[in-house]
Amino acid sequence: MASVRIRVEEREHHVGPDPRPSHCPGGRTVLASADERGRTIGEARAAICGCEGSTDAWIEAVTVEPGWRGAGVARRLVAALLRELERRGAAEVYTLVHRSDVALAPFFREIGFRERPYACLGLALREPGGGRPAR
């Protein structure tokens, strides 16, 4: 693990493949990556909202190569993100995790994330078989 290097960089926040910044002026993306001998073995990405004085940030993704899972890489990536988000003025950090995710939900709870009083709303555009749901 000593040979794993964590790097943090900032990018302009984009939504999807559109090269224009998101609708949130001043929004930024912070990316933490873990490299081992020049090969990326994990990444964590967060978005800082720049809307109307918001100090919220969202962890959007945490990925680690299968052979490195359980070695503390994700924990180091998220810790680096949290330090950088705090340095940039974020007051609260959120993430979305499916309750049934047996690896990710406990991981975020272990590092201090707690459920907040928000509702996660979703809309099925297609049924699992490909048909359109009734609306």
N, C-alpha and C. Protein backbone atom coordinates (compact mmCIF):
# COMPACT_ATOMS: atom_id res chain seq x y z
N MET A 1 0.82 -1.19 0.00
CA MET A 1 0.00 0.00 0.00
C MET A 1 0.87 1.26 0.00
N ALA A 2 2.10 1.16 0.45
CA ALA A 2 2.97 2.33 0.51
C ALA A 2 3.26 2.88 -0.88
N SER A 3 3.19 2.04 -1.91
CA SER A 3 3.48 2.51 -3.26
C SER A 3 2.28 3.16 -3.93
N VAL A 4 1.14 3.19 -3.27
CA VAL A 4 -0.05 3.81 -3.84
C VAL A 4 -0.01 5.31 -3.57
N ARG A 5 -0.14 6.09 -4.64
CA ARG A 5 -0.10 7.55 -4.55
C ARG A 5 -1.49 8.09 -4.81
N ILE A 6 -1.95 9.01 -3.95
CA ILE A 6 -3.25 9.65 -4.09
C ILE A 6 -3.02 11.06 -4.65
N ARG A 7 -3.73 11.38 -5.72
CA ARG A 7 -3.62 12.69 -6.36
C ARG A 7 -5.02 13.31 -6.41
N VAL A 8 -5.13 14.61 -6.12
CA VAL A 8 -6.41 15.32 -6.16
C VAL A 8 -6.30 16.45 -7.16
N GLU A 9 -7.31 16.57 -8.04
CA GLU A 9 -7.32 17.66 -9.01
C GLU A 9 -8.74 18.20 -9.14
N GLU A 10 -8.84 19.41 -9.63
CA GLU A 10 -10.13 20.06 -9.83
C GLU A 10 -10.41 20.15 -11.32
N ARG A 11 -11.67 19.99 -11.66
CA ARG A 11 -12.10 20.16 -13.04
C ARG A 11 -13.37 20.99 -13.05
N GLU A 12 -13.60 21.63 -14.18
CA GLU A 12 -14.86 22.35 -14.33
C GLU A 12 -15.97 21.31 -14.35
N HIS A 13 -17.07 21.60 -13.68
CA HIS A 13 -18.15 20.63 -13.55
C HIS A 13 -18.97 20.56 -14.83
N HIS A 14 -19.05 19.38 -15.41
CA HIS A 14 -19.84 19.15 -16.61
C HIS A 14 -20.89 18.10 -16.32
N VAL A 15 -21.95 18.15 -17.08
CA VAL A 15 -22.99 17.13 -16.96
C VAL A 15 -22.93 16.30 -18.24
N GLY A 16 -22.59 15.04 -18.10
CA GLY A 16 -22.53 14.15 -19.25
C GLY A 16 -21.45 14.58 -20.24
N PRO A 17 -21.64 14.25 -21.51
CA PRO A 17 -20.62 14.54 -22.51
C PRO A 17 -20.60 16.01 -22.96
N ASP A 18 -21.56 16.80 -22.51
CA ASP A 18 -21.63 18.21 -22.89
C ASP A 18 -20.43 18.94 -22.33
N PRO A 19 -19.63 19.60 -23.17
CA PRO A 19 -18.42 20.28 -22.68
C PRO A 19 -18.71 21.57 -21.93
N ARG A 20 -19.94 22.06 -21.96
CA ARG A 20 -20.27 23.29 -21.24
C ARG A 20 -20.43 23.00 -19.76
N PRO A 21 -20.12 23.97 -18.91
CA PRO A 21 -20.33 23.77 -17.47
C PRO A 21 -21.79 23.47 -17.17
N SER A 22 -22.05 22.83 -16.05
CA SER A 22 -23.42 22.50 -15.67
C SER A 22 -24.23 23.76 -15.43
N HIS A 23 -25.52 23.59 -15.21
CA HIS A 23 -26.41 24.71 -14.96
C HIS A 23 -26.09 25.42 -13.66
N CYS A 24 -25.24 24.85 -12.87
CA CYS A 24 -24.89 25.39 -11.57
C CYS A 24 -23.62 26.24 -11.72
N PRO A 25 -23.76 27.57 -11.88
CA PRO A 25 -22.57 28.40 -12.09
C PRO A 25 -21.59 28.23 -10.94
N GLY A 26 -20.35 28.11 -11.26
CA GLY A 26 -19.32 27.97 -10.24
C GLY A 26 -19.16 26.55 -9.73
N GLY A 27 -19.98 25.63 -10.24
CA GLY A 27 -19.85 24.24 -9.83
C GLY A 27 -18.52 23.67 -10.27
N ARG A 28 -17.91 22.88 -9.43
CA ARG A 28 -16.61 22.28 -9.74
C ARG A 28 -16.64 20.80 -9.43
N THR A 29 -15.81 20.06 -10.13
CA THR A 29 -15.65 18.64 -9.86
C THR A 29 -14.26 18.44 -9.26
N VAL A 30 -14.20 17.67 -8.19
CA VAL A 30 -12.92 17.32 -7.58
C VAL A 30 -12.74 15.82 -7.76
N LEU A 31 -11.61 15.45 -8.32
CA LEU A 31 -11.31 14.05 -8.60
C LEU A 31 -10.09 13.62 -7.81
N ALA A 32 -10.22 12.53 -7.07
CA ALA A 32 -9.08 11.93 -6.37
C ALA A 32 -8.78 10.62 -7.08
N SER A 33 -7.54 10.38 -7.40
CA SER A 33 -7.19 9.13 -8.05
C SER A 33 -6.04 8.47 -7.31
N ALA A 34 -6.06 7.14 -7.33
CA ALA A 34 -5.02 6.34 -6.68
C ALA A 34 -4.23 5.65 -7.77
N ASP A 35 -2.92 5.85 -7.75
CA ASP A 35 -2.03 5.24 -8.74
C ASP A 35 -1.04 4.34 -8.03
N GLU A 36 -0.78 3.22 -8.66
CA GLU A 36 0.23 2.30 -8.17
C GLU A 36 1.16 1.99 -9.34
N ARG A 37 2.39 2.47 -9.23
CA ARG A 37 3.39 2.31 -10.29
C ARG A 37 2.87 2.82 -11.64
N GLY A 38 2.23 4.00 -11.60
CA GLY A 38 1.78 4.62 -12.83
C GLY A 38 0.46 4.12 -13.38
N ARG A 39 -0.18 3.18 -12.71
CA ARG A 39 -1.46 2.63 -13.17
C ARG A 39 -2.56 3.05 -12.21
N THR A 40 -3.65 3.60 -12.76
CA THR A 40 -4.77 4.02 -11.92
C THR A 40 -5.48 2.79 -11.38
N ILE A 41 -5.62 2.73 -10.05
CA ILE A 41 -6.29 1.59 -9.42
C ILE A 41 -7.58 2.00 -8.73
N GLY A 42 -7.85 3.30 -8.67
CA GLY A 42 -9.08 3.76 -8.05
C GLY A 42 -9.30 5.24 -8.26
N GLU A 43 -10.58 5.63 -8.23
CA GLU A 43 -10.94 7.04 -8.36
C GLU A 43 -12.15 7.34 -7.50
N ALA A 44 -12.23 8.57 -7.04
CA ALA A 44 -13.40 9.07 -6.33
C ALA A 44 -13.66 10.47 -6.87
N ARG A 45 -14.94 10.76 -7.13
CA ARG A 45 -15.30 12.04 -7.72
C ARG A 45 -16.40 12.71 -6.91
N ALA A 46 -16.25 14.02 -6.71
CA ALA A 46 -17.26 14.81 -5.99
C ALA A 46 -17.55 16.07 -6.78
N ALA A 47 -18.77 16.55 -6.63
CA ALA A 47 -19.18 17.81 -7.25
C ALA A 47 -19.47 18.81 -6.15
N ILE A 48 -18.98 20.02 -6.34
CA ILE A 48 -19.26 21.12 -5.42
C ILE A 48 -20.26 22.01 -6.12
N CYS A 49 -21.39 22.21 -5.49
CA CYS A 49 -22.42 23.06 -6.07
C CYS A 49 -22.03 24.51 -5.88
N GLY A 50 -22.16 25.28 -6.93
CA GLY A 50 -21.83 26.70 -6.85
C GLY A 50 -23.07 27.58 -6.90
N CYS A 51 -24.24 26.99 -6.71
CA CYS A 51 -25.50 27.73 -6.83
C CYS A 51 -25.79 28.59 -5.62
N GLU A 52 -26.04 29.85 -5.85
CA GLU A 52 -26.57 30.78 -4.85
C GLU A 52 -25.99 30.60 -3.44
N GLY A 53 -24.70 30.54 -3.34
CA GLY A 53 -24.06 30.47 -2.04
C GLY A 53 -24.11 29.11 -1.37
N SER A 54 -24.51 28.08 -2.10
CA SER A 54 -24.58 26.74 -1.52
C SER A 54 -23.19 26.28 -1.09
N THR A 55 -23.14 25.56 0.00
CA THR A 55 -21.88 24.99 0.47
C THR A 55 -21.97 23.46 0.47
N ASP A 56 -22.87 22.92 -0.36
CA ASP A 56 -23.05 21.47 -0.44
C ASP A 56 -22.10 20.86 -1.47
N ALA A 57 -21.74 19.63 -1.21
CA ALA A 57 -20.96 18.85 -2.17
C ALA A 57 -21.54 17.44 -2.19
N TRP A 58 -21.36 16.77 -3.30
CA TRP A 58 -21.87 15.41 -3.48
C TRP A 58 -20.76 14.49 -3.94
N ILE A 59 -20.57 13.38 -3.25
CA ILE A 59 -19.68 12.35 -3.76
C ILE A 59 -20.49 11.57 -4.77
N GLU A 60 -20.04 11.61 -6.02
CA GLU A 60 -20.78 11.00 -7.12
C GLU A 60 -20.33 9.58 -7.44
N ALA A 61 -19.07 9.27 -7.20
CA ALA A 61 -18.58 7.94 -7.57
C ALA A 61 -17.33 7.59 -6.76
N VAL A 62 -17.21 6.32 -6.43
CA VAL A 62 -16.01 5.76 -5.81
C VAL A 62 -15.79 4.41 -6.48
N THR A 63 -14.67 4.25 -7.16
CA THR A 63 -14.37 2.98 -7.83
C THR A 63 -12.95 2.55 -7.49
N VAL A 64 -12.79 1.25 -7.27
CA VAL A 64 -11.48 0.66 -6.98
C VAL A 64 -11.37 -0.64 -7.76
N GLU A 65 -10.23 -0.86 -8.37
CA GLU A 65 -9.99 -2.11 -9.10
C GLU A 65 -10.24 -3.30 -8.18
N PRO A 66 -10.85 -4.37 -8.69
CA PRO A 66 -11.19 -5.52 -7.85
C PRO A 66 -10.04 -6.07 -7.02
N GLY A 67 -8.87 -6.15 -7.57
CA GLY A 67 -7.72 -6.69 -6.84
C GLY A 67 -7.25 -5.82 -5.69
N TRP A 68 -7.70 -4.58 -5.63
CA TRP A 68 -7.29 -3.65 -4.59
C TRP A 68 -8.40 -3.38 -3.57
N ARG A 69 -9.56 -3.96 -3.77
CA ARG A 69 -10.66 -3.76 -2.83
C ARG A 69 -10.32 -4.39 -1.48
N GLY A 70 -10.67 -3.70 -0.42
CA GLY A 70 -10.37 -4.19 0.92
C GLY A 70 -9.00 -3.79 1.43
N ALA A 71 -8.23 -3.06 0.60
CA ALA A 71 -6.87 -2.65 0.98
C ALA A 71 -6.81 -1.22 1.49
N GLY A 72 -7.96 -0.57 1.66
CA GLY A 72 -7.98 0.79 2.18
C GLY A 72 -7.87 1.89 1.13
N VAL A 73 -7.89 1.51 -0.16
CA VAL A 73 -7.76 2.50 -1.23
C VAL A 73 -8.97 3.44 -1.23
N ALA A 74 -10.17 2.90 -1.17
CA ALA A 74 -11.38 3.73 -1.18
C ALA A 74 -11.39 4.69 0.01
N ARG A 75 -10.99 4.20 1.15
CA ARG A 75 -10.96 5.03 2.36
C ARG A 75 -9.99 6.21 2.17
N ARG A 76 -8.83 5.95 1.60
CA ARG A 76 -7.85 7.02 1.35
C ARG A 76 -8.35 8.00 0.30
N LEU A 77 -9.02 7.48 -0.73
CA LEU A 77 -9.56 8.36 -1.77
C LEU A 77 -10.62 9.29 -1.20
N VAL A 78 -11.56 8.74 -0.44
CA VAL A 78 -12.63 9.54 0.13
C VAL A 78 -12.07 10.53 1.16
N ALA A 79 -11.10 10.11 1.95
CA ALA A 79 -10.48 11.02 2.92
C ALA A 79 -9.83 12.20 2.20
N ALA A 80 -9.15 11.94 1.09
CA ALA A 80 -8.53 13.02 0.31
C ALA A 80 -9.59 13.95 -0.26
N LEU A 81 -10.69 13.38 -0.75
CA LEU A 81 -11.79 14.21 -1.26
C LEU A 81 -12.36 15.09 -0.16
N LEU A 82 -12.64 14.50 1.00
CA LEU A 82 -13.23 15.25 2.10
C LEU A 82 -12.34 16.41 2.55
N ARG A 83 -11.03 16.16 2.62
CA ARG A 83 -10.10 17.24 2.99
C ARG A 83 -10.17 18.37 1.97
N GLU A 84 -10.19 18.00 0.68
CA GLU A 84 -10.22 19.02 -0.37
C GLU A 84 -11.55 19.75 -0.41
N LEU A 85 -12.64 19.04 -0.20
CA LEU A 85 -13.95 19.69 -0.18
C LEU A 85 -14.05 20.68 0.98
N GLU A 86 -13.55 20.28 2.13
CA GLU A 86 -13.56 21.19 3.28
C GLU A 86 -12.69 22.41 3.01
N ARG A 87 -11.53 22.19 2.42
CA ARG A 87 -10.63 23.29 2.08
C ARG A 87 -11.31 24.28 1.13
N ARG A 88 -12.17 23.78 0.27
CA ARG A 88 -12.86 24.62 -0.72
C ARG A 88 -14.17 25.21 -0.18
N GLY A 89 -14.47 24.97 1.10
CA GLY A 89 -15.60 25.62 1.72
C GLY A 89 -16.88 24.80 1.82
N ALA A 90 -16.83 23.54 1.46
CA ALA A 90 -18.04 22.72 1.59
C ALA A 90 -18.36 22.54 3.07
N ALA A 91 -19.63 22.73 3.42
CA ALA A 91 -20.06 22.57 4.81
C ALA A 91 -20.67 21.20 5.04
N GLU A 92 -21.25 20.63 4.01
CA GLU A 92 -21.88 19.31 4.15
C GLU A 92 -21.65 18.54 2.86
N VAL A 93 -21.42 17.23 3.00
CA VAL A 93 -21.17 16.36 1.85
C VAL A 93 -22.19 15.24 1.88
N TYR A 94 -22.76 14.97 0.73
CA TYR A 94 -23.79 13.94 0.59
C TYR A 94 -23.35 12.90 -0.42
N THR A 95 -24.00 11.76 -0.38
CA THR A 95 -23.85 10.75 -1.42
C THR A 95 -25.13 9.94 -1.45
N LEU A 96 -25.37 9.27 -2.55
CA LEU A 96 -26.52 8.37 -2.67
C LEU A 96 -26.00 6.94 -2.74
N VAL A 97 -26.52 6.10 -1.89
CA VAL A 97 -26.13 4.69 -1.85
C VAL A 97 -27.41 3.87 -1.73
N HIS A 98 -27.53 2.86 -2.58
CA HIS A 98 -28.71 2.00 -2.48
C HIS A 98 -28.64 1.22 -1.17
N ARG A 99 -29.74 1.17 -0.46
CA ARG A 99 -29.78 0.49 0.85
C ARG A 99 -29.31 -0.96 0.78
N SER A 100 -29.50 -1.59 -0.36
CA SER A 100 -29.13 -3.01 -0.48
C SER A 100 -27.66 -3.21 -0.86
N ASP A 101 -26.92 -2.14 -1.10
CA ASP A 101 -25.52 -2.28 -1.48
C ASP A 101 -24.72 -2.72 -0.26
N VAL A 102 -24.37 -3.99 -0.22
CA VAL A 102 -23.77 -4.57 0.97
C VAL A 102 -22.32 -4.14 1.19
N ALA A 103 -21.71 -3.49 0.21
CA ALA A 103 -20.34 -3.02 0.40
C ALA A 103 -20.29 -1.51 0.61
N LEU A 104 -20.96 -0.77 -0.23
CA LEU A 104 -20.83 0.68 -0.20
C LEU A 104 -21.58 1.35 0.95
N ALA A 105 -22.80 0.91 1.24
CA ALA A 105 -23.57 1.53 2.33
C ALA A 105 -22.82 1.41 3.67
N PRO A 106 -22.35 0.23 4.05
CA PRO A 106 -21.59 0.13 5.31
C PRO A 106 -20.29 0.94 5.28
N PHE A 107 -19.63 1.00 4.12
CA PHE A 107 -18.39 1.78 4.00
C PHE A 107 -18.65 3.24 4.38
N PHE A 108 -19.67 3.85 3.78
CA PHE A 108 -19.95 5.26 4.07
C PHE A 108 -20.41 5.45 5.52
N ARG A 109 -21.15 4.50 6.06
CA ARG A 109 -21.55 4.62 7.47
C ARG A 109 -20.33 4.56 8.39
N GLU A 110 -19.39 3.67 8.08
CA GLU A 110 -18.18 3.53 8.90
C GLU A 110 -17.35 4.80 8.95
N ILE A 111 -17.37 5.59 7.87
CA ILE A 111 -16.56 6.81 7.87
C ILE A 111 -17.35 8.03 8.31
N GLY A 112 -18.58 7.81 8.81
CA GLY A 112 -19.31 8.89 9.45
C GLY A 112 -20.54 9.42 8.73
N PHE A 113 -20.84 8.94 7.54
CA PHE A 113 -22.04 9.40 6.84
C PHE A 113 -23.27 8.84 7.54
N ARG A 114 -24.31 9.66 7.64
CA ARG A 114 -25.57 9.26 8.26
C ARG A 114 -26.71 9.63 7.34
N GLU A 115 -27.84 8.95 7.50
CA GLU A 115 -29.01 9.27 6.69
C GLU A 115 -29.48 10.68 7.03
N ARG A 116 -29.93 11.37 6.03
CA ARG A 116 -30.45 12.73 6.17
C ARG A 116 -31.95 12.71 5.85
N PRO A 117 -32.68 13.72 6.28
CA PRO A 117 -34.14 13.73 6.07
C PRO A 117 -34.55 14.19 4.66
N TYR A 118 -33.99 13.54 3.65
CA TYR A 118 -34.35 13.85 2.27
C TYR A 118 -34.96 12.60 1.65
N ALA A 119 -35.78 12.81 0.65
CA ALA A 119 -36.37 11.69 -0.07
C ALA A 119 -35.64 11.54 -1.39
N CYS A 120 -35.31 10.32 -1.71
CA CYS A 120 -34.73 10.02 -3.02
C CYS A 120 -35.91 9.66 -3.93
N LEU A 121 -36.15 10.47 -4.94
CA LEU A 121 -37.27 10.26 -5.83
C LEU A 121 -36.76 9.70 -7.16
N GLY A 122 -37.48 8.76 -7.71
CA GLY A 122 -37.09 8.17 -8.98
C GLY A 122 -38.30 7.96 -9.86
N LEU A 123 -38.07 7.81 -11.14
CA LEU A 123 -39.13 7.58 -12.11
C LEU A 123 -38.65 6.52 -13.08
N ALA A 124 -39.40 5.42 -13.18
CA ALA A 124 -39.04 4.36 -14.13
C ALA A 124 -39.44 4.79 -15.53
N LEU A 125 -38.49 4.88 -16.42
CA LEU A 125 -38.77 5.20 -17.81
C LEU A 125 -39.06 3.95 -18.63
N ARG A 126 -38.54 2.83 -18.15
CA ARG A 126 -38.78 1.53 -18.80
C ARG A 126 -38.94 0.48 -17.72
N GLU A 127 -39.77 -0.48 -17.99
CA GLU A 127 -39.91 -1.65 -17.11
C GLU A 127 -38.69 -2.53 -17.35
N PRO A 128 -38.36 -3.42 -16.40
CA PRO A 128 -37.19 -4.30 -16.58
C PRO A 128 -37.21 -5.06 -17.91
N GLY A 129 -38.38 -5.42 -18.41
CA GLY A 129 -38.48 -6.14 -19.68
C GLY A 129 -38.41 -5.25 -20.90
N GLY A 130 -38.31 -3.95 -20.68
CA GLY A 130 -38.18 -3.02 -21.80
C GLY A 130 -39.44 -2.25 -22.13
N GLY A 131 -40.58 -2.63 -21.54
CA GLY A 131 -41.84 -1.94 -21.83
C GLY A 131 -41.93 -0.63 -21.07
N ARG A 132 -42.90 0.18 -21.46
CA ARG A 132 -43.12 1.48 -20.80
C ARG A 132 -44.03 1.28 -19.59
N PRO A 133 -43.66 1.89 -18.47
CA PRO A 133 -44.52 1.76 -17.28
C PRO A 133 -45.78 2.63 -17.43
N ALA A 134 -46.79 2.26 -16.71
CA ALA A 134 -48.02 3.06 -16.70
C ALA A 134 -47.77 4.31 -15.88
N ARG A 135 -48.27 5.44 -16.34
CA ARG A 135 -48.12 6.70 -15.59
C ARG A 135 -49.46 7.35 -15.41
